[in-house]
């Protein structure tokens, strides 16, 4: 019997996990698109234009609040599902055949999610706190007179240890998305033999392209490919 909890039964938790996951995936798409503006290699002008729009648009600022709520709900729901699954099977089988039914990363979503959470905290400290709380006045302005969040990126990614942490965070994100993207559609019952291959392809492509783009940003700045 499914046990009630913060979000109701285990089935409700899975639906909620899928919906919040898809919402966060849509945010990743917007975020990676904006950050990719650094590849214009124009001293950060295009990137800063996008960042300033995101920072001052009231709709975007409201969505930030929704995003944080969705992120917290996704984390709490994931922890509850993990705890519930462990409680349902307190004693491991004498001989497990988990690999025959699922991949190691699908069985490690909790660990991967935790690693991504730690990475997210570091990322927020590096950029969100400076752009939303302490301000960017210490970094001057760009060639167009805009607040220079790009200068923060250049400063942060001069540290090789930080670059390694970001790349590892993107690696964890890849594995998390590789299972989570397709799993979200399955949890919502959106399964059809005609469309499953398309969803699988899009999920795999998204899981590769987005983390690779994110990882290329600190690497490109550190190696001087972008200036």
Foldseek 3Di string as FASTA:
>chain_A
DFDQDPQGGLLSLLLLLLVLLVVVLVVLVVVLVLLLVLVVLPQCPSSLVSVVCCQPPPVNVVVVVVNVVSLVSNLVSVVVNVVVVCVVPVDDDPDDDVVVPDDPLVVCLNVLSVLLVVLVVVVCVQQVCAVPPVDQVVVFATPVRGRCSVSSLLVQLLDVVSLVSLLVSLVSQLSNQLPSQLSSCVSVVVDDPVCSVVSNVVSNVSSPVSSVSSSVSSVCSNVVVRD
